[in-house]
N, C-alpha and C. Protein backbone atom coordinates (compact mmCIF):
# COMPACT_ATOMS: atom_id res chain seq x y z
N MET A 1 -233.18 82.88 -21.29
CA MET A 1 -232.36 83.17 -22.45
C MET A 1 -231.80 81.86 -22.99
N SER A 2 -231.94 81.64 -24.29
CA SER A 2 -231.48 80.40 -24.89
C SER A 2 -229.96 80.41 -25.03
N LEU A 3 -229.42 79.26 -25.32
CA LEU A 3 -227.97 79.12 -25.48
C LEU A 3 -227.49 80.01 -26.63
N SER A 4 -228.24 80.01 -27.71
CA SER A 4 -227.87 80.81 -28.87
C SER A 4 -227.82 82.30 -28.53
N ASP A 5 -228.81 82.78 -27.78
CA ASP A 5 -228.84 84.18 -27.38
C ASP A 5 -227.66 84.51 -26.45
N THR A 6 -227.39 83.60 -25.53
CA THR A 6 -226.28 83.79 -24.61
C THR A 6 -224.95 83.86 -25.36
N LEU A 7 -224.79 82.96 -26.33
CA LEU A 7 -223.56 82.95 -27.13
C LEU A 7 -223.41 84.25 -27.92
N THR A 8 -224.51 84.73 -28.48
CA THR A 8 -224.47 85.98 -29.25
C THR A 8 -224.06 87.15 -28.37
N GLU A 9 -224.65 87.23 -27.18
CA GLU A 9 -224.30 88.31 -26.25
C GLU A 9 -222.84 88.22 -25.82
N ASP A 10 -222.38 87.00 -25.51
CA ASP A 10 -220.99 86.82 -25.10
C ASP A 10 -220.03 87.09 -26.25
N LEU A 11 -220.47 86.81 -27.47
CA LEU A 11 -219.66 87.09 -28.65
C LEU A 11 -219.44 88.60 -28.78
N LYS A 12 -220.50 89.36 -28.58
CA LYS A 12 -220.39 90.83 -28.64
C LYS A 12 -219.45 91.35 -27.56
N THR A 13 -219.60 90.79 -26.36
CA THR A 13 -218.75 91.20 -25.24
C THR A 13 -217.28 90.88 -25.54
N ALA A 14 -217.02 89.71 -26.08
CA ALA A 14 -215.65 89.30 -26.39
C ALA A 14 -215.06 90.20 -27.49
N MET A 15 -215.90 90.58 -28.45
CA MET A 15 -215.42 91.48 -29.50
C MET A 15 -215.03 92.84 -28.92
N LYS A 16 -215.88 93.36 -28.07
CA LYS A 16 -215.61 94.68 -27.46
C LYS A 16 -214.36 94.63 -26.59
N ALA A 17 -214.16 93.51 -25.90
CA ALA A 17 -213.01 93.36 -25.00
C ALA A 17 -211.75 92.92 -25.75
N ARG A 18 -211.90 92.62 -27.03
CA ARG A 18 -210.79 92.12 -27.85
C ARG A 18 -210.18 90.85 -27.25
N ASP A 19 -211.05 89.99 -26.75
CA ASP A 19 -210.65 88.72 -26.16
C ASP A 19 -210.65 87.66 -27.27
N LYS A 20 -209.47 87.47 -27.86
CA LYS A 20 -209.38 86.60 -29.05
C LYS A 20 -209.71 85.14 -28.75
N VAL A 21 -209.30 84.65 -27.59
CA VAL A 21 -209.55 83.24 -27.26
C VAL A 21 -211.05 83.00 -27.11
N SER A 22 -211.71 83.82 -26.31
CA SER A 22 -213.16 83.67 -26.11
C SER A 22 -213.90 83.82 -27.43
N LEU A 23 -213.50 84.80 -28.19
CA LEU A 23 -214.13 85.06 -29.48
C LEU A 23 -214.03 83.84 -30.39
N SER A 24 -212.85 83.28 -30.46
CA SER A 24 -212.62 82.11 -31.30
C SER A 24 -213.46 80.91 -30.84
N VAL A 25 -213.46 80.65 -29.54
CA VAL A 25 -214.20 79.49 -29.01
C VAL A 25 -215.70 79.67 -29.20
N ILE A 26 -216.21 80.86 -28.92
CA ILE A 26 -217.65 81.10 -29.07
C ILE A 26 -218.05 80.96 -30.54
N ARG A 27 -217.22 81.44 -31.43
CA ARG A 27 -217.51 81.28 -32.86
C ARG A 27 -217.53 79.80 -33.25
N MET A 28 -216.60 79.02 -32.71
CA MET A 28 -216.57 77.59 -33.01
C MET A 28 -217.83 76.89 -32.48
N ILE A 29 -218.27 77.27 -31.30
CA ILE A 29 -219.49 76.67 -30.73
C ILE A 29 -220.69 77.05 -31.58
N LYS A 30 -220.79 78.31 -31.96
CA LYS A 30 -221.91 78.76 -32.78
C LYS A 30 -221.90 78.04 -34.13
N ALA A 31 -220.72 77.85 -34.71
CA ALA A 31 -220.61 77.14 -35.98
C ALA A 31 -221.04 75.68 -35.84
N ALA A 32 -220.63 75.05 -34.74
CA ALA A 32 -221.01 73.66 -34.50
C ALA A 32 -222.53 73.54 -34.34
N LEU A 33 -223.13 74.49 -33.63
CA LEU A 33 -224.59 74.48 -33.45
C LEU A 33 -225.30 74.70 -34.79
N THR A 34 -224.79 75.62 -35.59
CA THR A 34 -225.38 75.88 -36.90
C THR A 34 -225.26 74.66 -37.80
N ASN A 35 -224.09 74.02 -37.81
CA ASN A 35 -223.89 72.82 -38.62
C ASN A 35 -224.85 71.71 -38.22
N GLU A 36 -225.04 71.55 -36.91
CA GLU A 36 -225.96 70.51 -36.42
C GLU A 36 -227.40 70.85 -36.82
N LYS A 37 -227.75 72.12 -36.75
CA LYS A 37 -229.10 72.56 -37.14
C LYS A 37 -229.35 72.24 -38.60
N ILE A 38 -228.37 72.49 -39.45
CA ILE A 38 -228.49 72.19 -40.88
C ILE A 38 -228.58 70.68 -41.09
N LYS A 39 -227.77 69.95 -40.36
CA LYS A 39 -227.72 68.48 -40.48
C LYS A 39 -229.08 67.85 -40.15
N VAL A 40 -229.70 68.28 -39.04
CA VAL A 40 -230.96 67.67 -38.62
C VAL A 40 -232.17 68.30 -39.31
N GLY A 41 -232.01 69.50 -39.86
CA GLY A 41 -233.08 70.11 -40.63
C GLY A 41 -234.16 70.81 -39.83
N HIS A 42 -233.90 71.12 -38.58
CA HIS A 42 -234.86 71.87 -37.76
C HIS A 42 -234.10 72.58 -36.64
N ASP A 43 -234.80 73.50 -35.95
CA ASP A 43 -234.18 74.18 -34.83
C ASP A 43 -233.82 73.15 -33.76
N LEU A 44 -232.69 73.36 -33.12
CA LEU A 44 -232.21 72.40 -32.13
C LEU A 44 -232.97 72.53 -30.82
N SER A 45 -233.27 71.37 -30.24
CA SER A 45 -233.86 71.36 -28.90
C SER A 45 -232.73 71.57 -27.89
N ASP A 46 -233.11 71.75 -26.63
CA ASP A 46 -232.10 71.92 -25.59
C ASP A 46 -231.20 70.70 -25.49
N ASP A 47 -231.78 69.50 -25.62
CA ASP A 47 -230.98 68.27 -25.56
C ASP A 47 -229.99 68.21 -26.72
N GLU A 48 -230.43 68.60 -27.90
CA GLU A 48 -229.54 68.57 -29.06
C GLU A 48 -228.41 69.60 -28.91
N GLU A 49 -228.73 70.77 -28.37
CA GLU A 49 -227.69 71.77 -28.11
C GLU A 49 -226.69 71.23 -27.09
N LEU A 50 -227.20 70.56 -26.08
CA LEU A 50 -226.36 69.97 -25.04
C LEU A 50 -225.43 68.92 -25.64
N THR A 51 -225.95 68.13 -26.57
CA THR A 51 -225.15 67.11 -27.23
C THR A 51 -223.99 67.74 -28.00
N VAL A 52 -224.27 68.82 -28.70
CA VAL A 52 -223.23 69.52 -29.46
C VAL A 52 -222.18 70.09 -28.51
N LEU A 53 -222.62 70.72 -27.42
CA LEU A 53 -221.68 71.26 -26.44
C LEU A 53 -220.81 70.16 -25.84
N SER A 54 -221.43 69.04 -25.51
CA SER A 54 -220.68 67.91 -24.94
C SER A 54 -219.64 67.41 -25.92
N ARG A 55 -220.01 67.34 -27.19
CA ARG A 55 -219.09 66.88 -28.22
C ARG A 55 -217.90 67.85 -28.34
N GLU A 56 -218.17 69.14 -28.33
CA GLU A 56 -217.10 70.14 -28.41
C GLU A 56 -216.17 70.03 -27.21
N LEU A 57 -216.73 69.85 -26.03
CA LEU A 57 -215.94 69.73 -24.82
C LEU A 57 -215.09 68.46 -24.85
N LYS A 58 -215.69 67.38 -25.29
CA LYS A 58 -214.98 66.10 -25.36
C LYS A 58 -213.80 66.19 -26.34
N GLN A 59 -214.03 66.81 -27.49
CA GLN A 59 -212.96 66.95 -28.48
C GLN A 59 -211.78 67.71 -27.89
N ARG A 60 -212.06 68.77 -27.18
CA ARG A 60 -210.99 69.57 -26.59
C ARG A 60 -210.25 68.80 -25.50
N LYS A 61 -210.98 68.05 -24.69
CA LYS A 61 -210.33 67.28 -23.62
C LYS A 61 -209.45 66.18 -24.21
N GLU A 62 -209.93 65.52 -25.27
CA GLU A 62 -209.12 64.48 -25.90
C GLU A 62 -207.87 65.06 -26.54
N SER A 63 -208.02 66.21 -27.19
CA SER A 63 -206.86 66.87 -27.79
C SER A 63 -205.86 67.27 -26.72
N ARG A 64 -206.38 67.76 -25.59
CA ARG A 64 -205.52 68.17 -24.50
C ARG A 64 -204.68 67.00 -24.01
N GLU A 65 -205.32 65.83 -23.85
CA GLU A 65 -204.59 64.64 -23.39
C GLU A 65 -203.49 64.26 -24.38
N GLU A 66 -203.82 64.30 -25.68
CA GLU A 66 -202.83 63.94 -26.69
C GLU A 66 -201.66 64.91 -26.69
N PHE A 67 -201.95 66.21 -26.56
CA PHE A 67 -200.87 67.19 -26.53
C PHE A 67 -200.03 67.04 -25.27
N ALA A 68 -200.68 66.73 -24.15
CA ALA A 68 -199.94 66.53 -22.90
C ALA A 68 -199.02 65.32 -23.03
N ASP A 69 -199.51 64.25 -23.64
CA ASP A 69 -198.68 63.06 -23.85
C ASP A 69 -197.49 63.35 -24.76
N ALA A 70 -197.69 64.27 -25.71
CA ALA A 70 -196.63 64.61 -26.64
C ALA A 70 -195.68 65.67 -26.08
N GLY A 71 -195.99 66.19 -24.89
CA GLY A 71 -195.12 67.18 -24.26
C GLY A 71 -195.27 68.58 -24.83
N ARG A 72 -196.42 68.88 -25.41
CA ARG A 72 -196.65 70.20 -26.00
C ARG A 72 -197.42 71.09 -25.03
N GLN A 73 -196.73 71.60 -24.03
CA GLN A 73 -197.36 72.39 -22.98
C GLN A 73 -197.98 73.66 -23.52
N ASP A 74 -197.40 74.24 -24.57
CA ASP A 74 -197.96 75.45 -25.16
C ASP A 74 -199.38 75.21 -25.69
N LEU A 75 -199.59 74.07 -26.32
CA LEU A 75 -200.92 73.73 -26.84
C LEU A 75 -201.86 73.31 -25.72
N VAL A 76 -201.33 72.66 -24.69
CA VAL A 76 -202.14 72.26 -23.54
C VAL A 76 -202.71 73.49 -22.85
N ASP A 77 -201.88 74.52 -22.67
CA ASP A 77 -202.34 75.75 -22.01
C ASP A 77 -203.45 76.41 -22.80
N GLY A 78 -203.32 76.44 -24.12
CA GLY A 78 -204.36 77.02 -24.98
C GLY A 78 -205.66 76.26 -24.87
N LEU A 79 -205.56 74.94 -24.87
CA LEU A 79 -206.77 74.12 -24.76
C LEU A 79 -207.41 74.22 -23.38
N ASP A 80 -206.61 74.40 -22.35
CA ASP A 80 -207.17 74.59 -21.00
C ASP A 80 -208.06 75.83 -20.98
N ALA A 81 -207.60 76.89 -21.63
CA ALA A 81 -208.40 78.12 -21.70
C ALA A 81 -209.69 77.89 -22.48
N GLU A 82 -209.59 77.15 -23.59
CA GLU A 82 -210.78 76.85 -24.39
C GLU A 82 -211.77 76.00 -23.61
N ILE A 83 -211.27 75.01 -22.89
CA ILE A 83 -212.13 74.11 -22.11
C ILE A 83 -212.91 74.90 -21.06
N LYS A 84 -212.26 75.86 -20.40
CA LYS A 84 -212.94 76.68 -19.39
C LYS A 84 -214.09 77.46 -20.03
N ILE A 85 -213.87 77.96 -21.22
CA ILE A 85 -214.91 78.74 -21.91
C ILE A 85 -216.08 77.84 -22.30
N VAL A 86 -215.81 76.67 -22.84
CA VAL A 86 -216.88 75.75 -23.24
C VAL A 86 -217.65 75.28 -22.02
N GLU A 87 -216.94 74.99 -20.92
CA GLU A 87 -217.60 74.54 -19.69
C GLU A 87 -218.56 75.58 -19.13
N LYS A 88 -218.31 76.84 -19.44
CA LYS A 88 -219.18 77.91 -18.97
C LYS A 88 -220.60 77.75 -19.52
N TYR A 89 -220.73 77.16 -20.70
CA TYR A 89 -222.04 76.99 -21.36
C TYR A 89 -222.65 75.62 -21.11
N ALA A 90 -221.83 74.66 -20.69
CA ALA A 90 -222.32 73.31 -20.43
C ALA A 90 -222.91 73.26 -19.02
N PRO A 91 -223.85 72.34 -18.79
CA PRO A 91 -224.39 72.22 -17.43
C PRO A 91 -223.32 71.73 -16.46
N LYS A 92 -223.55 72.01 -15.18
CA LYS A 92 -222.61 71.59 -14.14
C LYS A 92 -222.46 70.07 -14.16
N GLN A 93 -221.23 69.61 -14.09
CA GLN A 93 -220.95 68.18 -14.11
C GLN A 93 -221.15 67.58 -12.72
N LEU A 94 -221.67 66.37 -12.68
CA LEU A 94 -221.87 65.68 -11.41
C LEU A 94 -220.54 65.14 -10.89
N SER A 95 -220.43 65.01 -9.58
CA SER A 95 -219.22 64.46 -8.98
C SER A 95 -219.20 62.95 -9.18
N ASP A 96 -218.05 62.35 -8.92
CA ASP A 96 -217.90 60.90 -9.06
C ASP A 96 -218.89 60.16 -8.16
N ASP A 97 -219.08 60.66 -6.93
CA ASP A 97 -219.99 60.01 -5.99
C ASP A 97 -221.44 60.09 -6.46
N GLU A 98 -221.82 61.25 -7.02
CA GLU A 98 -223.19 61.41 -7.52
C GLU A 98 -223.43 60.46 -8.69
N VAL A 99 -222.43 60.33 -9.57
CA VAL A 99 -222.55 59.42 -10.72
C VAL A 99 -222.68 57.98 -10.21
N LYS A 100 -221.86 57.63 -9.21
CA LYS A 100 -221.90 56.27 -8.67
C LYS A 100 -223.27 55.97 -8.06
N ASP A 101 -223.86 56.94 -7.35
CA ASP A 101 -225.19 56.75 -6.76
C ASP A 101 -226.24 56.48 -7.84
N ILE A 102 -226.22 57.29 -8.89
CA ILE A 102 -227.21 57.13 -9.97
C ILE A 102 -227.01 55.79 -10.68
N VAL A 103 -225.76 55.42 -10.94
CA VAL A 103 -225.48 54.14 -11.59
C VAL A 103 -225.92 52.98 -10.70
N THR A 104 -225.66 53.07 -9.40
CA THR A 104 -226.07 52.02 -8.46
C THR A 104 -227.58 51.85 -8.46
N GLN A 105 -228.31 52.96 -8.44
CA GLN A 105 -229.78 52.90 -8.49
C GLN A 105 -230.25 52.26 -9.79
N THR A 106 -229.61 52.61 -10.90
CA THR A 106 -230.00 52.08 -12.20
C THR A 106 -229.70 50.59 -12.29
N VAL A 107 -228.55 50.17 -11.76
CA VAL A 107 -228.20 48.74 -11.78
C VAL A 107 -229.25 47.94 -11.04
N SER A 108 -229.68 48.41 -9.87
CA SER A 108 -230.70 47.67 -9.11
C SER A 108 -232.06 47.76 -9.78
N ALA A 109 -232.38 48.89 -10.41
CA ALA A 109 -233.68 49.03 -11.08
C ALA A 109 -233.77 48.12 -12.30
N VAL A 110 -232.66 47.96 -13.01
CA VAL A 110 -232.64 47.12 -14.20
C VAL A 110 -232.51 45.64 -13.81
N GLY A 111 -231.98 45.40 -12.63
CA GLY A 111 -231.79 44.02 -12.17
C GLY A 111 -230.54 43.40 -12.75
N ALA A 112 -229.54 44.23 -13.03
CA ALA A 112 -228.29 43.74 -13.60
C ALA A 112 -227.46 43.04 -12.54
N SER A 113 -226.79 41.96 -12.97
CA SER A 113 -225.99 41.22 -12.00
C SER A 113 -224.59 40.88 -12.53
N SER A 114 -224.37 41.01 -13.82
CA SER A 114 -223.06 40.66 -14.38
C SER A 114 -222.73 41.56 -15.56
N MET A 115 -221.54 41.39 -16.11
CA MET A 115 -221.11 42.20 -17.25
C MET A 115 -221.98 41.93 -18.49
N ALA A 116 -222.71 40.83 -18.49
CA ALA A 116 -223.61 40.54 -19.61
C ALA A 116 -224.72 41.60 -19.69
N ASP A 117 -225.00 42.25 -18.58
CA ASP A 117 -226.05 43.27 -18.53
C ASP A 117 -225.51 44.68 -18.75
N PHE A 118 -224.24 44.79 -19.14
CA PHE A 118 -223.59 46.10 -19.31
C PHE A 118 -224.37 47.00 -20.25
N GLY A 119 -224.73 46.51 -21.42
CA GLY A 119 -225.45 47.31 -22.42
C GLY A 119 -226.79 47.79 -21.91
N LYS A 120 -227.47 46.91 -21.19
CA LYS A 120 -228.78 47.26 -20.63
C LYS A 120 -228.65 48.41 -19.62
N VAL A 121 -227.62 48.33 -18.77
CA VAL A 121 -227.41 49.36 -17.76
C VAL A 121 -227.01 50.68 -18.42
N MET A 122 -226.08 50.63 -19.36
CA MET A 122 -225.64 51.85 -20.05
C MET A 122 -226.81 52.50 -20.79
N GLY A 123 -227.64 51.69 -21.42
CA GLY A 123 -228.80 52.22 -22.13
C GLY A 123 -229.78 52.92 -21.19
N ALA A 124 -229.88 52.43 -19.97
CA ALA A 124 -230.80 53.02 -18.99
C ALA A 124 -230.20 54.24 -18.29
N VAL A 125 -228.89 54.22 -18.06
CA VAL A 125 -228.27 55.28 -17.26
C VAL A 125 -227.86 56.51 -18.08
N MET A 126 -227.49 56.33 -19.33
CA MET A 126 -227.00 57.46 -20.11
C MET A 126 -228.03 58.57 -20.32
N PRO A 127 -229.30 58.26 -20.57
CA PRO A 127 -230.26 59.36 -20.68
C PRO A 127 -230.38 60.19 -19.39
N LYS A 128 -230.18 59.54 -18.25
CA LYS A 128 -230.25 60.25 -16.97
C LYS A 128 -229.06 61.18 -16.77
N LEU A 129 -227.92 60.79 -17.32
CA LEU A 129 -226.67 61.53 -17.07
C LEU A 129 -226.20 62.33 -18.28
N LYS A 130 -226.98 62.34 -19.34
CA LYS A 130 -226.56 63.01 -20.57
C LYS A 130 -226.22 64.47 -20.31
N GLY A 131 -224.97 64.82 -20.63
CA GLY A 131 -224.51 66.18 -20.46
C GLY A 131 -224.11 66.53 -19.03
N LYS A 132 -224.43 65.66 -18.09
CA LYS A 132 -224.13 65.94 -16.68
C LYS A 132 -222.89 65.20 -16.20
N ALA A 133 -222.46 64.20 -16.99
CA ALA A 133 -221.28 63.42 -16.61
C ALA A 133 -220.59 62.91 -17.87
N ASP A 134 -219.28 62.78 -17.78
CA ASP A 134 -218.50 62.29 -18.90
C ASP A 134 -218.83 60.81 -19.14
N GLY A 135 -219.01 60.45 -20.40
CA GLY A 135 -219.37 59.07 -20.75
C GLY A 135 -218.35 58.05 -20.29
N SER A 136 -217.07 58.41 -20.36
CA SER A 136 -216.04 57.45 -19.94
C SER A 136 -216.10 57.20 -18.43
N LEU A 137 -216.45 58.22 -17.66
CA LEU A 137 -216.61 58.05 -16.21
C LEU A 137 -217.79 57.12 -15.92
N VAL A 138 -218.89 57.32 -16.62
CA VAL A 138 -220.06 56.47 -16.45
C VAL A 138 -219.71 55.03 -16.82
N ASN A 139 -219.01 54.87 -17.93
CA ASN A 139 -218.60 53.54 -18.40
C ASN A 139 -217.76 52.83 -17.35
N LYS A 140 -216.76 53.50 -16.80
CA LYS A 140 -215.90 52.92 -15.77
C LYS A 140 -216.69 52.57 -14.51
N THR A 141 -217.62 53.44 -14.13
CA THR A 141 -218.42 53.21 -12.93
C THR A 141 -219.30 51.99 -13.10
N VAL A 142 -219.95 51.87 -14.27
CA VAL A 142 -220.82 50.72 -14.53
C VAL A 142 -219.99 49.43 -14.51
N LYS A 143 -218.84 49.46 -15.17
CA LYS A 143 -217.98 48.26 -15.20
C LYS A 143 -217.55 47.87 -13.80
N SER A 144 -217.16 48.85 -12.97
CA SER A 144 -216.68 48.51 -11.62
C SER A 144 -217.82 47.93 -10.77
N LEU A 145 -219.04 48.44 -10.95
CA LEU A 145 -220.16 47.91 -10.15
C LEU A 145 -220.60 46.53 -10.62
N LEU A 146 -220.50 46.27 -11.93
CA LEU A 146 -220.93 44.97 -12.44
C LEU A 146 -219.86 43.89 -12.24
N ASN A 147 -218.61 44.29 -12.05
CA ASN A 147 -217.55 43.31 -11.83
C ASN A 147 -217.44 42.84 -10.39
N LYS A 148 -218.25 43.40 -9.50
CA LYS A 148 -218.17 43.00 -8.08
C LYS A 148 -218.78 41.64 -7.86
């Protein structure tokens, strides 16, 4: 079952259950996927759908951080619920150790030895981790390994 079909089924379920939060989030995801489909001019591949989901998740996490910094717990709680719903459709995220292992393998495969090779390592590692790990985590891991 494709992501679009899953979203449609979950949308129906949320409507029947009168689950306003799920309904709202699923509609936003479907709208983002539709907008991306129009933008690129063809049906989205799995990777493109994953990119859209990652972007939606990232936006919510960044908003959550900003609201938490501003002391708006009411908005933080709402975003926590939204994040859980979006994560349900995103692939399982890798742990910090798994990310570090993949980055370590990539650093040795590329032959990187200093921060001058940062771009080369990021270019090689991001396709492997796309959608499976947060970009900022990968960035920090690569920097820590190259600074040794």
